[in-house]
Amino acid sequence: MGWIVLVLSGLLETVWAAALDAARGFTRLGASVLFVVALTGSMIGLAYAMRTIPLGTAYAVWVGIGAVGTAAYGMVFLGESVTAARLVCLTLIVAGVVGMKVLH
């Protein structure tokens, strides 16, 4: 159960990062509320997962999922550049996340 919650928490990290951008310095109420809710859920999920997954593994996986998700969101929805080098780097992060799970 801890791994499922950890993955969902990592996805919520993507949500709060996107909402933080959309909040424009907390001047947009809806995006600001989404940021707070997603951030809170993400942290609670990370804390729950760390009850059964070691800190280093849990944090690395959580950050990796959030980083890849946020970068993918930026490329797909915000028009950020999609280059072979960026895709290779994101693939390496995914490989690291998978490796952390396998080696756990």
N, C-alpha and C. Protein backbone atom coordinates (compact mmCIF):
# COMPACT_ATOMS: atom_id res chain seq x y z
N MET A 1 0.82 -1.20 0.00
CA MET A 1 0.00 0.00 0.00
C MET A 1 0.85 1.26 0.00
N GLY A 2 2.01 1.21 0.70
CA GLY A 2 2.88 2.37 0.77
C GLY A 2 3.36 2.82 -0.60
N TRP A 3 3.66 1.88 -1.48
CA TRP A 3 4.14 2.23 -2.82
C TRP A 3 3.06 2.90 -3.65
N ILE A 4 1.84 2.42 -3.54
CA ILE A 4 0.73 3.03 -4.29
C ILE A 4 0.53 4.47 -3.81
N VAL A 5 0.53 4.66 -2.51
CA VAL A 5 0.36 6.00 -1.95
C VAL A 5 1.53 6.89 -2.36
N LEU A 6 2.73 6.34 -2.39
CA LEU A 6 3.90 7.13 -2.78
C LEU A 6 3.79 7.60 -4.23
N VAL A 7 3.38 6.72 -5.12
CA VAL A 7 3.21 7.11 -6.53
C VAL A 7 2.14 8.19 -6.66
N LEU A 8 1.02 8.01 -5.97
CA LEU A 8 -0.04 9.03 -6.02
C LEU A 8 0.45 10.36 -5.45
N SER A 9 1.24 10.30 -4.41
CA SER A 9 1.81 11.52 -3.82
C SER A 9 2.74 12.21 -4.79
N GLY A 10 3.51 11.43 -5.52
CA GLY A 10 4.39 12.01 -6.54
C GLY A 10 3.59 12.68 -7.64
N LEU A 11 2.47 12.07 -8.02
CA LEU A 11 1.60 12.69 -9.03
C LEU A 11 0.99 13.98 -8.49
N LEU A 12 0.64 13.99 -7.21
CA LEU A 12 0.12 15.21 -6.60
C LEU A 12 1.19 16.31 -6.57
N GLU A 13 2.44 15.91 -6.52
CA GLU A 13 3.51 16.91 -6.59
C GLU A 13 3.46 17.63 -7.93
N THR A 14 3.18 16.89 -8.99
CA THR A 14 3.02 17.51 -10.31
C THR A 14 1.84 18.48 -10.30
N VAL A 15 0.74 18.08 -9.67
CA VAL A 15 -0.44 18.94 -9.60
C VAL A 15 -0.13 20.23 -8.86
N TRP A 16 0.51 20.11 -7.69
CA TRP A 16 0.75 21.35 -6.95
C TRP A 16 1.77 22.25 -7.64
N ALA A 17 2.74 21.67 -8.34
CA ALA A 17 3.70 22.50 -9.07
C ALA A 17 3.00 23.26 -10.21
N ALA A 18 2.13 22.56 -10.93
CA ALA A 18 1.39 23.22 -12.02
C ALA A 18 0.44 24.27 -11.46
N ALA A 19 -0.20 23.97 -10.34
CA ALA A 19 -1.12 24.92 -9.72
C ALA A 19 -0.36 26.15 -9.21
N LEU A 20 0.84 25.93 -8.69
CA LEU A 20 1.64 27.06 -8.21
C LEU A 20 1.97 28.00 -9.37
N ASP A 21 2.30 27.44 -10.53
CA ASP A 21 2.54 28.27 -11.70
C ASP A 21 1.28 29.02 -12.11
N ALA A 22 0.16 28.31 -12.12
CA ALA A 22 -1.11 28.91 -12.54
C ALA A 22 -1.63 29.95 -11.54
N ALA A 23 -1.20 29.85 -10.28
CA ALA A 23 -1.66 30.79 -9.25
C ALA A 23 -1.08 32.19 -9.44
N ARG A 24 -0.03 32.29 -10.22
CA ARG A 24 0.58 33.59 -10.54
C ARG A 24 0.83 34.43 -9.28
N GLY A 25 1.66 33.86 -8.40
CA GLY A 25 1.98 34.59 -7.17
C GLY A 25 0.82 34.65 -6.21
N PHE A 26 -0.01 33.65 -6.23
CA PHE A 26 -1.20 33.52 -5.38
C PHE A 26 -2.21 34.64 -5.63
N THR A 27 -2.29 35.09 -6.87
CA THR A 27 -3.28 36.10 -7.24
C THR A 27 -4.53 35.48 -7.85
N ARG A 28 -4.52 34.18 -8.07
CA ARG A 28 -5.69 33.48 -8.61
C ARG A 28 -6.17 32.48 -7.56
N LEU A 29 -7.36 32.72 -7.07
CA LEU A 29 -7.88 31.95 -5.93
C LEU A 29 -7.99 30.46 -6.23
N GLY A 30 -8.60 30.09 -7.34
CA GLY A 30 -8.82 28.66 -7.63
C GLY A 30 -7.52 27.88 -7.71
N ALA A 31 -6.55 28.42 -8.43
CA ALA A 31 -5.26 27.76 -8.55
C ALA A 31 -4.52 27.74 -7.21
N SER A 32 -4.68 28.78 -6.43
CA SER A 32 -4.04 28.84 -5.12
C SER A 32 -4.62 27.79 -4.18
N VAL A 33 -5.92 27.61 -4.20
CA VAL A 33 -6.56 26.59 -3.37
C VAL A 33 -6.13 25.20 -3.83
N LEU A 34 -6.10 24.98 -5.14
CA LEU A 34 -5.65 23.68 -5.66
C LEU A 34 -4.22 23.40 -5.23
N PHE A 35 -3.37 24.42 -5.26
CA PHE A 35 -1.99 24.26 -4.81
C PHE A 35 -1.94 23.77 -3.37
N VAL A 36 -2.67 24.44 -2.48
CA VAL A 36 -2.64 24.09 -1.06
C VAL A 36 -3.18 22.67 -0.83
N VAL A 37 -4.27 22.34 -1.49
CA VAL A 37 -4.88 21.01 -1.32
C VAL A 37 -3.94 19.92 -1.85
N ALA A 38 -3.38 20.12 -3.06
CA ALA A 38 -2.49 19.12 -3.64
C ALA A 38 -1.19 19.00 -2.84
N LEU A 39 -0.66 20.12 -2.38
CA LEU A 39 0.56 20.09 -1.57
C LEU A 39 0.33 19.33 -0.27
N THR A 40 -0.78 19.62 0.38
CA THR A 40 -1.10 18.94 1.63
C THR A 40 -1.27 17.43 1.40
N GLY A 41 -2.02 17.07 0.37
CA GLY A 41 -2.21 15.65 0.07
C GLY A 41 -0.91 14.96 -0.28
N SER A 42 -0.06 15.64 -1.02
CA SER A 42 1.22 15.07 -1.41
C SER A 42 2.10 14.82 -0.19
N MET A 43 2.15 15.77 0.72
CA MET A 43 2.97 15.62 1.92
C MET A 43 2.43 14.54 2.86
N ILE A 44 1.11 14.50 3.00
CA ILE A 44 0.51 13.47 3.85
C ILE A 44 0.79 12.09 3.26
N GLY A 45 0.66 11.97 1.95
CA GLY A 45 0.94 10.69 1.30
C GLY A 45 2.39 10.28 1.45
N LEU A 46 3.31 11.23 1.29
CA LEU A 46 4.73 10.94 1.47
C LEU A 46 5.00 10.48 2.89
N ALA A 47 4.42 11.16 3.87
CA ALA A 47 4.61 10.78 5.27
C ALA A 47 4.06 9.38 5.53
N TYR A 48 2.90 9.07 4.95
CA TYR A 48 2.32 7.74 5.11
C TYR A 48 3.23 6.67 4.50
N ALA A 49 3.71 6.93 3.30
CA ALA A 49 4.56 5.96 2.61
C ALA A 49 5.85 5.70 3.39
N MET A 50 6.37 6.74 4.05
CA MET A 50 7.62 6.58 4.79
C MET A 50 7.45 5.74 6.06
N ARG A 51 6.24 5.35 6.37
CA ARG A 51 6.04 4.41 7.48
C ARG A 51 6.55 3.03 7.11
N THR A 52 6.57 2.71 5.80
CA THR A 52 7.00 1.38 5.36
C THR A 52 8.15 1.42 4.35
N ILE A 53 8.47 2.58 3.83
CA ILE A 53 9.53 2.72 2.83
C ILE A 53 10.60 3.64 3.43
N PRO A 54 11.87 3.25 3.35
CA PRO A 54 12.92 4.08 3.93
C PRO A 54 12.93 5.50 3.36
N LEU A 55 13.33 6.45 4.17
CA LEU A 55 13.34 7.86 3.81
C LEU A 55 14.01 8.13 2.46
N GLY A 56 15.24 7.66 2.29
CA GLY A 56 15.98 7.93 1.06
C GLY A 56 15.27 7.42 -0.18
N THR A 57 14.74 6.22 -0.09
CA THR A 57 14.01 5.63 -1.22
C THR A 57 12.72 6.39 -1.48
N ALA A 58 11.95 6.62 -0.44
CA ALA A 58 10.66 7.30 -0.59
C ALA A 58 10.84 8.69 -1.17
N TYR A 59 11.78 9.44 -0.64
CA TYR A 59 11.97 10.81 -1.10
C TYR A 59 12.47 10.84 -2.55
N ALA A 60 13.41 9.98 -2.88
CA ALA A 60 13.94 9.95 -4.25
C ALA A 60 12.84 9.59 -5.25
N VAL A 61 12.02 8.62 -4.92
CA VAL A 61 10.93 8.22 -5.82
C VAL A 61 9.90 9.35 -5.93
N TRP A 62 9.54 9.95 -4.82
CA TRP A 62 8.55 11.03 -4.80
C TRP A 62 9.01 12.21 -5.65
N VAL A 63 10.25 12.63 -5.45
CA VAL A 63 10.80 13.75 -6.22
C VAL A 63 10.92 13.39 -7.69
N GLY A 64 11.36 12.17 -7.98
CA GLY A 64 11.51 11.74 -9.37
C GLY A 64 10.20 11.76 -10.12
N ILE A 65 9.16 11.22 -9.50
CA ILE A 65 7.84 11.21 -10.14
C ILE A 65 7.36 12.65 -10.35
N GLY A 66 7.51 13.47 -9.33
CA GLY A 66 7.09 14.86 -9.45
C GLY A 66 7.87 15.62 -10.51
N ALA A 67 9.17 15.39 -10.58
CA ALA A 67 9.99 16.10 -11.56
C ALA A 67 9.64 15.70 -12.98
N VAL A 68 9.50 14.40 -13.22
CA VAL A 68 9.16 13.93 -14.56
C VAL A 68 7.75 14.38 -14.94
N GLY A 69 6.83 14.26 -14.00
CA GLY A 69 5.45 14.69 -14.27
C GLY A 69 5.35 16.17 -14.57
N THR A 70 6.07 16.97 -13.81
CA THR A 70 6.03 18.42 -14.01
C THR A 70 6.69 18.80 -15.34
N ALA A 71 7.79 18.19 -15.66
CA ALA A 71 8.45 18.47 -16.94
C ALA A 71 7.56 18.04 -18.11
N ALA A 72 6.93 16.88 -17.98
CA ALA A 72 6.03 16.41 -19.05
C ALA A 72 4.84 17.35 -19.20
N TYR A 73 4.28 17.79 -18.08
CA TYR A 73 3.17 18.75 -18.12
C TYR A 73 3.59 20.01 -18.86
N GLY A 74 4.76 20.52 -18.53
CA GLY A 74 5.25 21.73 -19.18
C GLY A 74 5.41 21.55 -20.68
N MET A 75 5.91 20.39 -21.07
CA MET A 75 6.11 20.15 -22.51
C MET A 75 4.79 19.97 -23.24
N VAL A 76 3.85 19.25 -22.63
CA VAL A 76 2.58 18.95 -23.30
C VAL A 76 1.61 20.13 -23.28
N PHE A 77 1.50 20.80 -22.14
CA PHE A 77 0.46 21.82 -21.99
C PHE A 77 0.95 23.26 -22.02
N LEU A 78 2.23 23.48 -21.76
CA LEU A 78 2.73 24.86 -21.68
C LEU A 78 3.67 25.22 -22.82
N GLY A 79 3.86 24.31 -23.74
CA GLY A 79 4.68 24.61 -24.90
C GLY A 79 6.17 24.66 -24.63
N GLU A 80 6.62 24.06 -23.53
CA GLU A 80 8.05 24.02 -23.27
C GLU A 80 8.73 23.12 -24.29
N SER A 81 9.99 23.37 -24.55
CA SER A 81 10.68 22.65 -25.62
C SER A 81 10.78 21.15 -25.33
N VAL A 82 10.61 20.39 -26.40
CA VAL A 82 10.76 18.93 -26.34
C VAL A 82 11.97 18.60 -27.20
N THR A 83 13.05 18.23 -26.54
CA THR A 83 14.25 17.89 -27.28
C THR A 83 14.67 16.47 -26.91
N ALA A 84 15.48 15.89 -27.76
CA ALA A 84 15.97 14.54 -27.48
C ALA A 84 16.73 14.51 -26.17
N ALA A 85 17.53 15.52 -25.91
CA ALA A 85 18.31 15.57 -24.68
C ALA A 85 17.41 15.60 -23.44
N ARG A 86 16.35 16.42 -23.49
CA ARG A 86 15.41 16.47 -22.35
C ARG A 86 14.74 15.13 -22.14
N LEU A 87 14.32 14.50 -23.24
CA LEU A 87 13.65 13.20 -23.13
C LEU A 87 14.59 12.13 -22.58
N VAL A 88 15.86 12.17 -22.99
CA VAL A 88 16.83 11.22 -22.45
C VAL A 88 17.00 11.44 -20.95
N CYS A 89 17.12 12.70 -20.54
CA CYS A 89 17.29 12.99 -19.12
C CYS A 89 16.08 12.55 -18.30
N LEU A 90 14.89 12.79 -18.81
CA LEU A 90 13.67 12.35 -18.11
C LEU A 90 13.61 10.82 -18.05
N THR A 91 14.04 10.18 -19.12
CA THR A 91 14.08 8.71 -19.12
C THR A 91 15.05 8.20 -18.06
N LEU A 92 16.17 8.86 -17.89
CA LEU A 92 17.12 8.47 -16.86
C LEU A 92 16.52 8.62 -15.46
N ILE A 93 15.74 9.67 -15.26
CA ILE A 93 15.08 9.84 -13.96
C ILE A 93 14.09 8.70 -13.72
N VAL A 94 13.31 8.37 -14.75
CA VAL A 94 12.36 7.25 -14.62
C VAL A 94 13.11 5.96 -14.32
N ALA A 95 14.22 5.74 -15.00
CA ALA A 95 15.02 4.54 -14.74
C ALA A 95 15.51 4.52 -13.29
N GLY A 96 15.88 5.67 -12.78
CA GLY A 96 16.31 5.75 -11.38
C GLY A 96 15.18 5.44 -10.42
N VAL A 97 13.98 5.94 -10.71
CA VAL A 97 12.81 5.66 -9.87
C VAL A 97 12.51 4.16 -9.88
N VAL A 98 12.51 3.57 -11.06
CA VAL A 98 12.26 2.13 -11.18
C VAL A 98 13.35 1.36 -10.43
N GLY A 99 14.59 1.81 -10.60
CA GLY A 99 15.68 1.15 -9.90
C GLY A 99 15.53 1.21 -8.38
N MET A 100 15.08 2.34 -7.87
CA MET A 100 14.85 2.46 -6.43
C MET A 100 13.80 1.47 -5.94
N LYS A 101 12.76 1.28 -6.75
CA LYS A 101 11.72 0.33 -6.39
C LYS A 101 12.25 -1.10 -6.44
N VAL A 102 12.94 -1.43 -7.50
CA VAL A 102 13.45 -2.80 -7.67
C VAL A 102 14.45 -3.14 -6.58
N LEU A 103 15.31 -2.19 -6.24
CA LEU A 103 16.35 -2.45 -5.26
C LEU A 103 15.86 -2.32 -3.82
N HIS A 104 14.67 -1.85 -3.64
CA HIS A 104 14.11 -1.72 -2.29
C HIS A 104 13.89 -3.11 -1.76
